Each structure stands twice: as C-alpha cells, then as structure tokens.
C-alpha cells in the first residue's frame, strides 16, 4: 500500500536545541527546554510538612498516535515507574527541601535531568518536561483550499440562506461572507446578494485536514499532454455544464500542465464535508460537490491507482453545484521509482 507521509522529521539534540529548523509555537519561535519550572505557589490543601510537584509532559512525540509511554522517574535517587495517562500529568508529594529529577520514558529516547530545585512547605511547584529525542515531528503547513465556487440553478427565483463552515480559516470570500450569504437565486442563473448579481459564490481557506484525505491507491495518473483532454472527459462524465467545465479547466489546467505527471483524486459530496460543511435553506433538491486533490510528480514516479468511480450531477428542481481543489506537495514516500 502506498502511503503519503505527512510529517517532517527534524533532528534535535538531547538538550532540546533544534538543528536545521526551530519549532513554531503560537506564532513565536522558541527552543524547547527539557525541564522547566512554570510556577511555585502556596497551596492551602497542604500542611507545613508536605509539598507537591506537578509534572506536565510536553513531548511533541506524543502527537504521533503512539501508545502513551511508561515513565521512570528518579527523585533524589528514589525511583518510581508509572504509565502516563491522557492528562499527561503526574503529581508527586514530598517533604519540603531540595530535589533533583532524572526522568526517562520507554523507547529510544534520552533522559531529562533537572537542576537542584528547592520546594517550600505547603507549596505546589509546577514543571514542564520535554523529552529529547532523535527526531522531532513537525506538522505539515496548512494547504490552500483553492477557488471553491458555488453555482445555483432554479426554475424560479428563490430566496436562500447559505452557511459554509470550513475546516480551517477563510482567506477570501466574494461576496463578503458575513455569518453566511443571504440572497436570491435567479431563474436566469446566478445569485443576487445585497442587490448585486454574481454568477457564483467564491471562497478560499487554509486547512490542516486535506493531506489526510488523499489516497494514492485510487484516482488517476495524468501526463501534462493529456491534462485538458482528461479534465474535459471526466467533467463531462460528471455532468458539469459548459460554464462549470470551462471555469474548472481554465483555473486548474494551466497549473497542472506545469508538471510532467499528476496524480488526481476526486472527492464527492459527503467527502467534501471533511473540507467544509455546506448548509443551504431551503434545502436544494440536489447538491453536487466536487473537490480535486492533485499532486505534481516527477516523470520517474510509478503510481498505479485504481480508477475512481465518478459521481454525476442531477439538475431537476433547485440544484447546487460546487467545485474546488488543492495542490498537494509531492513526497517521495508516495510511490516507488524506476
């Protein structure tokens, strides 16, 4: 099975310093620290003979769907082992005094050492633990949801409310999306919003969900010479009309012919909800949503997907057609090479 890797591996040292690229957090650059005191405050639940450490494990490697690890914690040489749970926290009750920690986790990872830490009577000291490792996982950057356009077809003028909820953030809408679009679908075609007529509604967004939707075992492989003919054939088979087909091809065709070879996968209808949910009142008699995922690939790439079964448009009554797409970044793990 061909799987696309959606992770970037970056080397880090056992001190948490990143080689090659720093990590981004809340739009600010930072260097992770293996052991960091966050706060130390009096706690009324503790008496003068006791104090507590609250350790939060901030290991980014826990985001790669592995089993939660077993932790070996040495506190002034006294060792305890415990299974980390979903809270990623562990509380340790001690007597007031000075303490030094040595912390390990199962697997091939370095250990975390703390400095000598003084904890006062009846105090709760909170600390973050960041495990060093040979690899650090950095998520893919967001993918652009490119030029989704929504067409309306109705045998009569019809007042409508449209709500669109992308799995990400809007980057542009036309007309402006203000808690939805409210307008009138025209029998002659298009939609009127705030007394202005539009042939379709337009939106774009950024999304972190799209990379997980592609399946290189399914779809089509299209050479640059065949891009136009392929799109004309498949869009006609889906039932797109002249305007919808022309708009689609004139937007995507020039981009796709820049690559020697392309993998193309289409998402339909309910699958589109993983990119953006669409709600229209009154409910259309038929809604056809088409999203194209395409990946430019070198000529030497060998991908042999199973051809997709295509859905088709139904247009009687009040019907809605939407199309959009995304270019995905080529990754050598998606295929074998000659």
C-alpha atoms as a PDB file:
ATOM      1  CA  UNK A   1       0.000   0.000   0.000  1.00  0.00           C
ATOM      2  CA  UNK A   2       1.241   3.469  -0.871  1.00  0.00           C
ATOM      3  CA  UNK A   3       1.018   5.914   1.952  1.00  0.00           C
ATOM      4  CA  UNK A   4       1.890   9.569   1.978  1.00  0.00           C
ATOM      5  CA  UNK A   5       3.984  10.805   4.857  1.00  0.00           C
ATOM      6  CA  UNK A   6       2.528  13.973   6.309  1.00  0.00           C
ATOM      7  CA  UNK A   7       5.349  14.526   8.790  1.00  0.00           C
ATOM      8  CA  UNK A   8       8.600  16.431   8.558  1.00  0.00           C
ATOM      9  CA  UNK A   9      11.462  14.962  10.600  1.00  0.00           C
ATOM     10  CA  UNK A  10      13.853  17.416  12.212  1.00  0.00           C
ATOM     11  CA  UNK A  11      16.909  16.421  14.247  1.00  0.00           C
ATOM     12  CA  UNK A  12      17.171  17.746  17.796  1.00  0.00           C
ATOM     13  CA  UNK A  13      19.818  17.327  20.463  1.00  0.00           C
ATOM     14  CA  UNK A  14      19.356  15.889  23.922  1.00  0.00           C
ATOM     15  CA  UNK A  15      19.288  19.450  25.245  1.00  0.00           C
ATOM     16  CA  UNK A  16      16.242  20.257  23.137  1.00  0.00           C
ATOM     17  CA  UNK A  17      18.047  22.515  20.618  1.00  0.00           C
ATOM     18  CA  UNK A  18      16.782  22.136  17.067  1.00  0.00           C
ATOM     19  CA  UNK A  19      19.308  21.630  14.256  1.00  0.00           C
ATOM     20  CA  UNK A  20      18.114  22.881  10.880  1.00  0.00           C
ATOM     21  CA  UNK A  21      14.827  24.447  11.966  1.00  0.00           C
ATOM     22  CA  UNK A  22      13.352  25.850  15.102  1.00  0.00           C
ATOM     23  CA  UNK A  23       9.837  24.982  16.135  1.00  0.00           C
ATOM     24  CA  UNK A  24       6.954  27.417  15.968  1.00  0.00           C
ATOM     25  CA  UNK A  25       4.504  27.842  18.826  1.00  0.00           C
ATOM     26  CA  UNK A  26       1.775  30.473  18.972  1.00  0.00           C
ATOM     27  CA  UNK A  27       3.453  32.242  16.035  1.00  0.00           C
ATOM     28  CA  UNK A  28       6.643  32.810  18.057  1.00  0.00           C
ATOM     29  CA  UNK A  29       9.954  30.958  17.651  1.00  0.00           C
ATOM     30  CA  UNK A  30      11.080  29.045  20.677  1.00  0.00           C
ATOM     31  CA  UNK A  31      13.554  26.397  21.812  1.00  0.00           C
ATOM     32  CA  UNK A  32      12.021  23.625  23.922  1.00  0.00           C
ATOM     33  CA  UNK A  33      13.572  23.119  27.378  1.00  0.00           C
ATOM     34  CA  UNK A  34      13.854  19.592  28.786  1.00  0.00           C
ATOM     35  CA  UNK A  35      12.808  20.616  32.318  1.00  0.00           C
ATOM     36  CA  UNK A  36      11.214  23.969  33.096  1.00  0.00           C
ATOM     37  CA  UNK A  37       9.692  25.335  36.317  1.00  0.00           C
ATOM     38  CA  UNK A  38       6.407  27.054  35.469  1.00  0.00           C
ATOM     39  CA  UNK A  39       5.321  28.242  38.913  1.00  0.00           C
ATOM     40  CA  UNK A  40       5.618  27.649  42.648  1.00  0.00           C
ATOM     41  CA  UNK A  41       2.748  28.861  44.815  1.00  0.00           C
ATOM     42  CA  UNK A  42       1.332  28.199  48.323  1.00  0.00           C
ATOM     43  CA  UNK A  43      -1.411  25.567  48.358  1.00  0.00           C
ATOM     44  CA  UNK A  44      -3.953  25.620  51.201  1.00  0.00           C
ATOM     45  CA  UNK A  45      -4.596  21.894  50.776  1.00  0.00           C
ATOM     46  CA  UNK A  46      -1.055  21.131  52.004  1.00  0.00           C
ATOM     47  CA  UNK A  47       0.297  21.350  55.540  1.00  0.00           C
ATOM     48  CA  UNK A  48       3.738  22.614  56.557  1.00  0.00           C
ATOM     49  CA  UNK A  49       5.220  19.107  56.425  1.00  0.00           C
ATOM     50  CA  UNK A  50       4.285  18.447  52.822  1.00  0.00           C
ATOM     51  CA  UNK A  51       4.751  19.902  49.349  1.00  0.00           C
ATOM     52  CA  UNK A  52       3.932  18.749  45.839  1.00  0.00           C
ATOM     53  CA  UNK A  53       5.433  18.699  42.363  1.00  0.00           C
ATOM     54  CA  UNK A  54       3.046  18.668  39.424  1.00  0.00           C
ATOM     55  CA  UNK A  55       4.826  17.485  36.263  1.00  0.00           C
ATOM     56  CA  UNK A  56       3.279  18.053  32.829  1.00  0.00           C
ATOM     57  CA  UNK A  57       4.848  16.089  29.985  1.00  0.00           C
ATOM     58  CA  UNK A  58       5.096  18.335  26.932  1.00  0.00           C
ATOM     59  CA  UNK A  59       6.545  15.802  24.499  1.00  0.00           C
ATOM     60  CA  UNK A  60       5.532  16.583  20.913  1.00  0.00           C
ATOM     61  CA  UNK A  61       6.208  12.963  20.009  1.00  0.00           C
ATOM     62  CA  UNK A  62       3.021  12.119  21.886  1.00  0.00           C
ATOM     63  CA  UNK A  63       1.135  13.611  18.922  1.00  0.00           C
ATOM     64  CA  UNK A  64       2.016  10.782  16.534  1.00  0.00           C
ATOM     65  CA  UNK A  65      -0.706   8.414  17.777  1.00  0.00           C
ATOM     66  CA  UNK A  66       1.678   6.138  19.663  1.00  0.00           C
ATOM     67  CA  UNK A  67       0.688   4.443  22.923  1.00  0.00           C
ATOM     68  CA  UNK A  68       1.150   6.609  25.990  1.00  0.00           C
ATOM     69  CA  UNK A  69       4.559   5.751  27.418  1.00  0.00           C
ATOM     70  CA  UNK A  70       5.737   4.324  30.700  1.00  0.00           C
ATOM     71  CA  UNK A  71       7.772   6.821  32.710  1.00  0.00           C
ATOM     72  CA  UNK A  72      10.695   6.084  35.026  1.00  0.00           C
ATOM     73  CA  UNK A  73      11.142   8.942  37.490  1.00  0.00           C
ATOM     74  CA  UNK A  74      14.070   9.253  39.892  1.00  0.00           C
ATOM     75  CA  UNK A  75      13.595  11.835  42.644  1.00  0.00           C
ATOM     76  CA  UNK A  76      16.774  12.221  44.743  1.00  0.00           C
ATOM     77  CA  UNK A  77      17.635   8.665  43.704  1.00  0.00           C
ATOM     78  CA  UNK A  78      14.290   7.124  44.701  1.00  0.00           C
ATOM     79  CA  UNK A  79      12.808   5.515  41.573  1.00  0.00           C
ATOM     80  CA  UNK A  80       9.153   5.082  40.709  1.00  0.00           C
ATOM     81  CA  UNK A  81       7.552   3.924  37.464  1.00  0.00           C
ATOM     82  CA  UNK A  82       4.107   4.822  36.163  1.00  0.00           C
ATOM     83  CA  UNK A  83       2.057   4.749  32.977  1.00  0.00           C
ATOM     84  CA  UNK A  84       1.343   8.208  31.640  1.00  0.00           C
ATOM     85  CA  UNK A  85      -2.380   8.787  31.144  1.00  0.00           C
ATOM     86  CA  UNK A  86      -4.283  11.109  28.821  1.00  0.00           C
ATOM     87  CA  UNK A  87      -3.821  14.100  31.161  1.00  0.00           C
ATOM     88  CA  UNK A  88      -0.047  13.921  30.503  1.00  0.00           C
ATOM     89  CA  UNK A  89       0.429  14.894  34.160  1.00  0.00           C
ATOM     90  CA  UNK A  90       1.895  13.316  37.288  1.00  0.00           C
ATOM     91  CA  UNK A  91       1.745  14.632  40.876  1.00  0.00           C
ATOM     92  CA  UNK A  92       4.418  13.806  43.439  1.00  0.00           C
ATOM     93  CA  UNK A  93       4.003  14.539  47.182  1.00  0.00           C
ATOM     94  CA  UNK A  94       7.286  15.209  49.057  1.00  0.00           C
ATOM     95  CA  UNK A  95       8.630  16.831  52.188  1.00  0.00           C
ATOM     96  CA  UNK A  96       9.909  20.398  51.865  1.00  0.00           C
ATOM     97  CA  UNK A  97      13.537  20.549  50.739  1.00  0.00           C
ATOM     98  CA  UNK A  98      15.815  20.282  47.709  1.00  0.00           C
ATOM     99  CA  UNK A  99      15.179  17.790  44.909  1.00  0.00           C
ATOM    100  CA  UNK A 100      16.752  16.707  41.641  1.00  0.00           C
ATOM    101  CA  UNK A 101      14.931  14.715  38.998  1.00  0.00           C
ATOM    102  CA  UNK A 102      16.075  12.210  36.412  1.00  0.00           C
ATOM    103  CA  UNK A 103      13.278  11.144  34.057  1.00  0.00           C
ATOM    104  CA  UNK A 104      13.207   8.505  31.312  1.00  0.00           C
ATOM    105  CA  UNK A 105      10.500   7.136  29.038  1.00  0.00           C
ATOM    106  CA  UNK A 106      10.206   3.812  27.292  1.00  0.00           C
ATOM    107  CA  UNK A 107      11.664   3.664  23.789  1.00  0.00           C
ATOM    108  CA  UNK A 108      14.875   5.008  22.347  1.00  0.00           C
ATOM    109  CA  UNK A 109      14.864   8.456  23.928  1.00  0.00           C
ATOM    110  CA  UNK A 110      17.322  10.444  26.017  1.00  0.00           C
ATOM    111  CA  UNK A 111      16.717  11.257  29.656  1.00  0.00           C
ATOM    112  CA  UNK A 112      15.759  14.555  31.240  1.00  0.00           C
ATOM    113  CA  UNK A 113      17.819  15.911  34.147  1.00  0.00           C
ATOM    114  CA  UNK A 114      16.738  18.812  36.346  1.00  0.00           C
ATOM    115  CA  UNK A 115      18.798  21.217  38.364  1.00  0.00           C
ATOM    116  CA  UNK A 116      18.501  21.131  42.149  1.00  0.00           C
ATOM    117  CA  UNK A 117      15.054  22.517  42.965  1.00  0.00           C
ATOM    118  CA  UNK A 118      14.001  23.913  46.342  1.00  0.00           C
ATOM    119  CA  UNK A 119      10.349  23.423  47.284  1.00  0.00           C
ATOM    120  CA  UNK A 120       8.946  25.291  50.280  1.00  0.00           C
ATOM    121  CA  UNK A 121       6.481  23.929  52.867  1.00  0.00           C
ATOM    122  CA  UNK A 122       2.853  23.790  51.711  1.00  0.00           C
ATOM    123  CA  UNK A 123       3.823  24.797  48.156  1.00  0.00           C
ATOM    124  CA  UNK A 124       2.783  23.349  44.805  1.00  0.00           C
ATOM    125  CA  UNK A 125       5.527  23.583  42.187  1.00  0.00           C
ATOM    126  CA  UNK A 126       4.528  23.059  38.559  1.00  0.00           C
ATOM    127  CA  UNK A 127       7.071  21.960  35.950  1.00  0.00           C
ATOM    128  CA  UNK A 128       7.035  21.010  32.271  1.00  0.00           C
ATOM    129  CA  UNK A 129       9.034  18.044  30.999  1.00  0.00           C
ATOM    130  CA  UNK A 130      10.099  17.967  27.333  1.00  0.00           C
ATOM    131  CA  UNK A 131      11.699  14.673  26.326  1.00  0.00           C
ATOM    132  CA  UNK A 132      14.672  14.910  23.987  1.00  0.00           C
ATOM    133  CA  UNK A 133      14.672  12.514  21.060  1.00  0.00           C
ATOM    134  CA  UNK A 134      16.438  11.644  17.857  1.00  0.00           C
ATOM    135  CA  UNK A 135      13.552  13.022  15.829  1.00  0.00           C
ATOM    136  CA  UNK A 136      11.031  15.770  16.312  1.00  0.00           C
ATOM    137  CA  UNK A 137       7.717  15.693  14.449  1.00  0.00           C
ATOM    138  CA  UNK A 138       6.628  18.925  12.781  1.00  0.00           C
ATOM    139  CA  UNK A 139       3.168  19.071  11.175  1.00  0.00           C
ATOM    140  CA  UNK A 140       2.713  19.958   7.526  1.00  0.00           C
ATOM    141  CA  UNK A 141       1.861  23.597   6.859  1.00  0.00           C
ATOM    142  CA  UNK A 142      -1.790  24.324   6.028  1.00  0.00           C
ATOM    143  CA  UNK A 143      -2.969  23.532   2.498  1.00  0.00           C
ATOM    144  CA  UNK A 144      -4.845  26.151   0.484  1.00  0.00           C
ATOM    145  CA  UNK A 145      -8.431  25.298  -0.410  1.00  0.00           C
ATOM    146  CA  UNK A 146      -8.344  26.830  -3.901  1.00  0.00           C
ATOM    147  CA  UNK A 147     -11.207  28.631  -5.620  1.00  0.00           C
ATOM    148  CA  UNK A 148     -14.242  26.707  -4.495  1.00  0.00           C
ATOM    149  CA  UNK A 149     -17.147  28.224  -6.409  1.00  0.00           C
ATOM    150  CA  UNK A 150     -20.836  27.526  -5.770  1.00  0.00           C
ATOM    151  CA  UNK A 151     -23.365  27.666  -8.652  1.00  0.00           C
ATOM    152  CA  UNK A 152     -27.128  27.811  -8.222  1.00  0.00           C
ATOM    153  CA  UNK A 153     -29.811  26.574 -10.638  1.00  0.00           C
ATOM    154  CA  UNK A 154     -33.536  27.065 -10.055  1.00  0.00           C
ATOM    155  CA  UNK A 155     -36.604  27.117 -12.312  1.00  0.00           C
ATOM    156  CA  UNK A 156     -37.839  30.186 -10.409  1.00  0.00           C
ATOM    157  CA  UNK A 157     -36.466  32.997  -8.266  1.00  0.00           C
ATOM    158  CA  UNK A 158     -35.777  31.699  -4.779  1.00  0.00           C
ATOM    159  CA  UNK A 159     -34.641  33.371  -1.527  1.00  0.00           C
ATOM    160  CA  UNK A 160     -31.827  31.377   0.114  1.00  0.00           C
ATOM    161  CA  UNK A 161     -29.543  31.368   3.150  1.00  0.00           C
ATOM    162  CA  UNK A 162     -26.127  29.728   2.729  1.00  0.00           C
ATOM    163  CA  UNK A 163     -23.835  28.755   5.603  1.00  0.00           C
ATOM    164  CA  UNK A 164     -20.327  27.442   4.953  1.00  0.00           C
ATOM    165  CA  UNK A 165     -18.061  26.075   7.695  1.00  0.00           C
ATOM    166  CA  UNK A 166     -14.525  25.269   6.506  1.00  0.00           C
ATOM    167  CA  UNK A 167     -12.164  23.026   8.477  1.00  0.00           C
ATOM    168  CA  UNK A 168      -9.782  25.959   8.710  1.00  0.00           C
ATOM    169  CA  UNK A 169      -9.883  29.712   8.250  1.00  0.00           C
ATOM    170  CA  UNK A 170     -11.305  31.721   5.373  1.00  0.00           C
ATOM    171  CA  UNK A 171      -8.636  33.645   3.464  1.00  0.00           C
ATOM    172  CA  UNK A 172     -11.009  35.296   0.953  1.00  0.00           C
ATOM    173  CA  UNK A 173     -14.691  35.293   0.046  1.00  0.00           C
ATOM    174  CA  UNK A 174     -16.617  37.056  -2.713  1.00  0.00           C
ATOM    175  CA  UNK A 175     -19.049  38.490  -1.988  1.00  0.00           C
ATOM    176  CA  UNK A 176     -18.002  39.040   1.629  1.00  0.00           C
ATOM    177  CA  UNK A 177     -19.150  36.217   3.910  1.00  0.00           C
ATOM    178  CA  UNK A 178     -20.927  37.771   6.903  1.00  0.00           C
ATOM    179  CA  UNK A 179     -22.224  34.935   9.086  1.00  0.00           C
ATOM    180  CA  UNK A 180     -23.437  33.399   5.849  1.00  0.00           C
ATOM    181  CA  UNK A 181     -24.676  34.578   2.470  1.00  0.00           C
ATOM    182  CA  UNK A 182     -28.280  35.701   2.080  1.00  0.00           C
ATOM    183  CA  UNK A 183     -29.625  36.327  -1.380  1.00  0.00           C
ATOM    184  CA  UNK A 184     -31.921  35.370  -4.239  1.00  0.00           C
ATOM    185  CA  UNK A 185     -31.195  32.589  -6.704  1.00  0.00           C
ATOM    186  CA  UNK A 186     -32.239  33.852 -10.131  1.00  0.00           C
ATOM    187  CA  UNK A 187     -34.180  31.709 -12.594  1.00  0.00           C
ATOM    188  CA  UNK A 188     -31.917  33.096 -15.333  1.00  0.00           C
ATOM    189  CA  UNK A 189     -28.852  31.866 -13.425  1.00  0.00           C
ATOM    190  CA  UNK A 190     -26.574  33.159 -10.683  1.00  0.00           C
ATOM    191  CA  UNK A 191     -27.423  34.710  -7.340  1.00  0.00           C
ATOM    192  CA  UNK A 192     -28.123  38.249  -6.106  1.00  0.00           C
ATOM    193  CA  UNK A 193     -26.609  39.259  -2.742  1.00  0.00           C
ATOM    194  CA  UNK A 194     -27.106  42.786  -1.360  1.00  0.00           C
ATOM    195  CA  UNK A 195     -28.629  43.893  -4.672  1.00  0.00           C
ATOM    196  CA  UNK A 196     -25.554  42.788  -6.653  1.00  0.00           C
ATOM    197  CA  UNK A 197     -25.632  39.887  -9.096  1.00  0.00           C
ATOM    198  CA  UNK A 198     -22.929  37.175  -9.108  1.00  0.00           C
ATOM    199  CA  UNK A 199     -22.532  34.164 -11.426  1.00  0.00           C
ATOM    200  CA  UNK A 200     -21.390  32.130  -8.400  1.00  0.00           C
ATOM    201  CA  UNK A 201     -20.185  32.438  -4.799  1.00  0.00           C
ATOM    202  CA  UNK A 202     -16.418  32.262  -4.267  1.00  0.00           C
ATOM    203  CA  UNK A 203     -14.351  31.318  -1.232  1.00  0.00           C
ATOM    204  CA  UNK A 204     -10.870  30.185  -0.238  1.00  0.00           C
ATOM    205  CA  UNK A 205      -9.427  28.962   3.041  1.00  0.00           C
ATOM    206  CA  UNK A 206      -6.442  27.288   4.644  1.00  0.00           C
ATOM    207  CA  UNK A 207      -6.859  23.800   6.076  1.00  0.00           C
ATOM    208  CA  UNK A 208      -4.771  21.305   8.046  1.00  0.00           C
ATOM    209  CA  UNK A 209      -7.143  18.450   7.169  1.00  0.00           C
ATOM    210  CA  UNK A 210      -6.526  17.971   3.458  1.00  0.00           C
ATOM    211  CA  UNK A 211      -3.281  15.970   3.481  1.00  0.00           C
ATOM    212  CA  UNK A 212      -5.018  13.179   5.360  1.00  0.00           C
ATOM    213  CA  UNK A 213      -7.714  12.843   2.654  1.00  0.00           C
ATOM    214  CA  UNK A 214      -5.530  11.808  -0.280  1.00  0.00           C
ATOM    215  CA  UNK A 215      -5.289   8.134  -1.255  1.00  0.00           C
ATOM    216  CA  UNK A 216      -2.656   7.370  -3.883  1.00  0.00           C
ATOM    217  CA  UNK A 217      -4.080   3.897  -4.408  1.00  0.00           C
ATOM    218  CA  UNK A 218      -7.141   5.498  -6.002  1.00  0.00           C
ATOM    219  CA  UNK A 219      -7.675   8.067  -8.731  1.00  0.00           C
ATOM    220  CA  UNK A 220      -5.826   8.749 -11.971  1.00  0.00           C
ATOM    221  CA  UNK A 221      -2.331   9.491 -13.265  1.00  0.00           C
ATOM    222  CA  UNK A 222      -2.358  12.240 -15.900  1.00  0.00           C
ATOM    223  CA  UNK A 223       0.582  13.420 -18.026  1.00  0.00           C
ATOM    224  CA  UNK A 224       0.907  17.110 -18.881  1.00  0.00           C
ATOM    225  CA  UNK A 225      -0.002  16.416 -22.531  1.00  0.00           C
ATOM    226  CA  UNK A 226      -3.328  14.877 -21.504  1.00  0.00           C
ATOM    227  CA  UNK A 227      -4.461  17.335 -18.813  1.00  0.00           C
ATOM    228  CA  UNK A 228      -7.032  19.200 -20.904  1.00  0.00           C
ATOM    229  CA  UNK A 229      -8.471  16.096 -22.556  1.00  0.00           C
ATOM    230  CA  UNK A 230      -8.621  14.284 -19.207  1.00  0.00           C
ATOM    231  CA  UNK A 231     -10.465  17.126 -17.483  1.00  0.00           C
ATOM    232  CA  UNK A 232     -12.881  17.576 -20.389  1.00  0.00           C
ATOM    233  CA  UNK A 233     -13.686  13.860 -20.379  1.00  0.00           C
ATOM    234  CA  UNK A 234     -14.125  13.446 -16.616  1.00  0.00           C
ATOM    235  CA  UNK A 235     -16.040  16.676 -16.017  1.00  0.00           C
ATOM    236  CA  UNK A 236     -18.386  15.869 -18.902  1.00  0.00           C
ATOM    237  CA  UNK A 237     -18.896  12.400 -17.460  1.00  0.00           C
ATOM    238  CA  UNK A 238     -19.789  14.032 -14.114  1.00  0.00           C
ATOM    239  CA  UNK A 239     -22.371  16.216 -15.849  1.00  0.00           C
ATOM    240  CA  UNK A 240     -20.857  19.676 -15.381  1.00  0.00           C
ATOM    241  CA  UNK A 241     -22.305  22.176 -17.854  1.00  0.00           C
ATOM    242  CA  UNK A 242     -20.318  24.347 -20.273  1.00  0.00           C
ATOM    243  CA  UNK A 243     -19.700  27.207 -17.838  1.00  0.00           C
ATOM    244  CA  UNK A 244     -18.792  24.977 -14.870  1.00  0.00           C
ATOM    245  CA  UNK A 245     -16.481  22.858 -17.015  1.00  0.00           C
ATOM    246  CA  UNK A 246     -14.812  25.880 -18.616  1.00  0.00           C
ATOM    247  CA  UNK A 247     -14.315  27.645 -15.267  1.00  0.00           C
ATOM    248  CA  UNK A 248     -12.765  24.487 -13.797  1.00  0.00           C
ATOM    249  CA  UNK A 249     -10.384  23.790 -16.694  1.00  0.00           C
ATOM    250  CA  UNK A 250      -9.223  27.382 -17.181  1.00  0.00           C
ATOM    251  CA  UNK A 251      -8.334  27.580 -13.484  1.00  0.00           C
ATOM    252  CA  UNK A 252      -6.675  24.175 -12.963  1.00  0.00           C
ATOM    253  CA  UNK A 253      -5.384  23.359 -16.443  1.00  0.00           C
ATOM    254  CA  UNK A 254      -2.570  25.975 -16.540  1.00  0.00           C
ATOM    255  CA  UNK A 255      -1.363  24.820 -13.127  1.00  0.00           C
ATOM    256  CA  UNK A 256      -1.399  21.115 -13.905  1.00  0.00           C
ATOM    257  CA  UNK A 257       0.461  21.341 -17.235  1.00  0.00           C
ATOM    258  CA  UNK A 258       3.447  22.684 -15.320  1.00  0.00           C
ATOM    259  CA  UNK A 259       4.120  19.148 -14.055  1.00  0.00           C
ATOM    260  CA  UNK A 260       5.280  16.204 -16.158  1.00  0.00           C
ATOM    261  CA  UNK A 261       2.901  13.888 -14.321  1.00  0.00           C
ATOM    262  CA  UNK A 262      -0.009  14.388 -11.925  1.00  0.00           C
ATOM    263  CA  UNK A 263      -1.906  12.169  -9.554  1.00  0.00           C
ATOM    264  CA  UNK A 264      -5.567  13.201  -9.468  1.00  0.00           C
ATOM    265  CA  UNK A 265      -8.187  12.127  -6.956  1.00  0.00           C
ATOM    266  CA  UNK A 266     -11.746  13.453  -6.796  1.00  0.00           C
ATOM    267  CA  UNK A 267     -13.799  13.839  -3.626  1.00  0.00           C
ATOM    268  CA  UNK A 268     -17.581  13.966  -3.890  1.00  0.00           C
ATOM    269  CA  UNK A 269     -20.477  15.262  -1.810  1.00  0.00           C
ATOM    270  CA  UNK A 270     -20.208  13.933   1.787  1.00  0.00           C
ATOM    271  CA  UNK A 271     -16.420  13.617   1.393  1.00  0.00           C
ATOM    272  CA  UNK A 272     -16.337  17.366   0.786  1.00  0.00           C
ATOM    273  CA  UNK A 273     -17.634  17.877   4.344  1.00  0.00           C
ATOM    274  CA  UNK A 274     -14.154  16.934   5.577  1.00  0.00           C
ATOM    275  CA  UNK A 275     -13.015  20.183   3.940  1.00  0.00           C
ATOM    276  CA  UNK A 276     -16.052  22.393   4.536  1.00  0.00           C
ATOM    277  CA  UNK A 277     -19.646  21.770   5.587  1.00  0.00           C
ATOM    278  CA  UNK A 278     -22.311  23.440   3.430  1.00  0.00           C
ATOM    279  CA  UNK A 279     -25.859  24.187   4.615  1.00  0.00           C
ATOM    280  CA  UNK A 280     -28.483  25.812   2.380  1.00  0.00           C
ATOM    281  CA  UNK A 281     -32.025  26.861   3.307  1.00  0.00           C
ATOM    282  CA  UNK A 282     -34.332  25.891   1.717  1.00  0.00           C
ATOM    283  CA  UNK A 283     -32.659  22.558   1.140  1.00  0.00           C
ATOM    284  CA  UNK A 284     -31.831  22.014  -2.551  1.00  0.00           C
ATOM    285  CA  UNK A 285     -33.420  19.117  -4.424  1.00  0.00           C
ATOM    286  CA  UNK A 286     -29.882  18.144  -5.463  1.00  0.00           C
ATOM    287  CA  UNK A 287     -26.419  19.191  -4.291  1.00  0.00           C
ATOM    288  CA  UNK A 288     -23.307  18.127  -6.194  1.00  0.00           C
ATOM    289  CA  UNK A 289     -19.951  18.952  -4.585  1.00  0.00           C
ATOM    290  CA  UNK A 290     -16.698  18.114  -6.370  1.00  0.00           C
ATOM    291  CA  UNK A 291     -13.202  18.563  -4.945  1.00  0.00           C
ATOM    292  CA  UNK A 292      -9.992  17.676  -6.785  1.00  0.00           C
ATOM    293  CA  UNK A 293      -6.799  16.702  -4.973  1.00  0.00           C
ATOM    294  CA  UNK A 294      -3.833  16.717  -7.332  1.00  0.00           C
ATOM    295  CA  UNK A 295      -0.181  16.049  -6.728  1.00  0.00           C
ATOM    296  CA  UNK A 296       2.514  17.033  -9.261  1.00  0.00           C
ATOM    297  CA  UNK A 297       5.102  14.256  -9.562  1.00  0.00           C
ATOM    298  CA  UNK A 298       8.394  13.666 -11.410  1.00  0.00           C
ATOM    299  CA  UNK A 299       8.173  11.652 -14.625  1.00  0.00           C
ATOM    300  CA  UNK A 300      10.065   8.757 -12.978  1.00  0.00           C
ATOM    301  CA  UNK A 301       7.405   8.256 -10.299  1.00  0.00           C
ATOM    302  CA  UNK A 302       5.479   4.999 -10.520  1.00  0.00           C
ATOM    303  CA  UNK A 303       1.925   5.193  -9.178  1.00  0.00           C
ATOM    304  CA  UNK A 304      -0.749   2.731 -10.297  1.00  0.00           C
ATOM    305  CA  UNK A 305      -4.040   3.781  -8.688  1.00  0.00           C
ATOM    306  CA  UNK A 306      -7.367   2.044  -9.156  1.00  0.00           C
ATOM    307  CA  UNK A 307      -9.551   4.301 -11.362  1.00  0.00           C
ATOM    308  CA  UNK A 308     -12.277   6.055  -9.408  1.00  0.00           C
ATOM    309  CA  UNK A 309     -15.981   5.629  -9.950  1.00  0.00           C
ATOM    310  CA  UNK A 310     -17.311   9.123 -10.624  1.00  0.00           C
ATOM    311  CA  UNK A 311     -20.490  10.709  -9.291  1.00  0.00           C
ATOM    312  CA  UNK A 312     -22.802  12.711 -11.571  1.00  0.00           C
ATOM    313  CA  UNK A 313     -24.861  15.884 -11.297  1.00  0.00           C
ATOM    314  CA  UNK A 314     -28.667  15.878 -11.014  1.00  0.00           C
ATOM    315  CA  UNK A 315     -30.261  19.155 -12.046  1.00  0.00           C
ATOM    316  CA  UNK A 316     -34.069  18.926 -11.843  1.00  0.00           C
ATOM    317  CA  UNK A 317     -35.648  21.424  -9.449  1.00  0.00           C
ATOM    318  CA  UNK A 318     -33.443  23.590  -7.224  1.00  0.00           C
ATOM    319  CA  UNK A 319     -29.877  22.311  -7.630  1.00  0.00           C
ATOM    320  CA  UNK A 320     -26.463  23.413  -6.408  1.00  0.00           C
ATOM    321  CA  UNK A 321     -23.052  22.606  -7.906  1.00  0.00           C
ATOM    322  CA  UNK A 322     -19.745  23.352  -6.171  1.00  0.00           C
ATOM    323  CA  UNK A 323     -16.171  22.626  -7.200  1.00  0.00           C
ATOM    324  CA  UNK A 324     -12.786  23.345  -5.676  1.00  0.00           C
ATOM    325  CA  UNK A 325      -9.377  21.738  -5.293  1.00  0.00           C
ATOM    326  CA  UNK A 326      -5.917  21.692  -3.739  1.00  0.00           C
ATOM    327  CA  UNK A 327      -2.411  21.114  -4.974  1.00  0.00           C
ATOM    328  CA  UNK A 328      -0.581  18.762  -2.609  1.00  0.00           C
ATOM    329  CA  UNK A 329       3.160  18.722  -2.159  1.00  0.00           C
ATOM    330  CA  UNK A 330       4.931  15.766  -3.738  1.00  0.00           C
ATOM    331  CA  UNK A 331       6.645  13.457  -1.284  1.00  0.00           C
ATOM    332  CA  UNK A 332       8.929  10.636  -2.364  1.00  0.00           C
ATOM    333  CA  UNK A 333       7.215   8.219   0.011  1.00  0.00           C
ATOM    334  CA  UNK A 334       4.041   8.194  -2.115  1.00  0.00           C
ATOM    335  CA  UNK A 335       5.479   5.899  -4.763  1.00  0.00           C
ATOM    336  CA  UNK A 336       8.264   3.653  -5.999  1.00  0.00           C
ATOM    337  CA  UNK A 337      10.805   4.799  -8.582  1.00  0.00           C
ATOM    338  CA  UNK A 338      12.260   3.231 -11.675  1.00  0.00           C
END
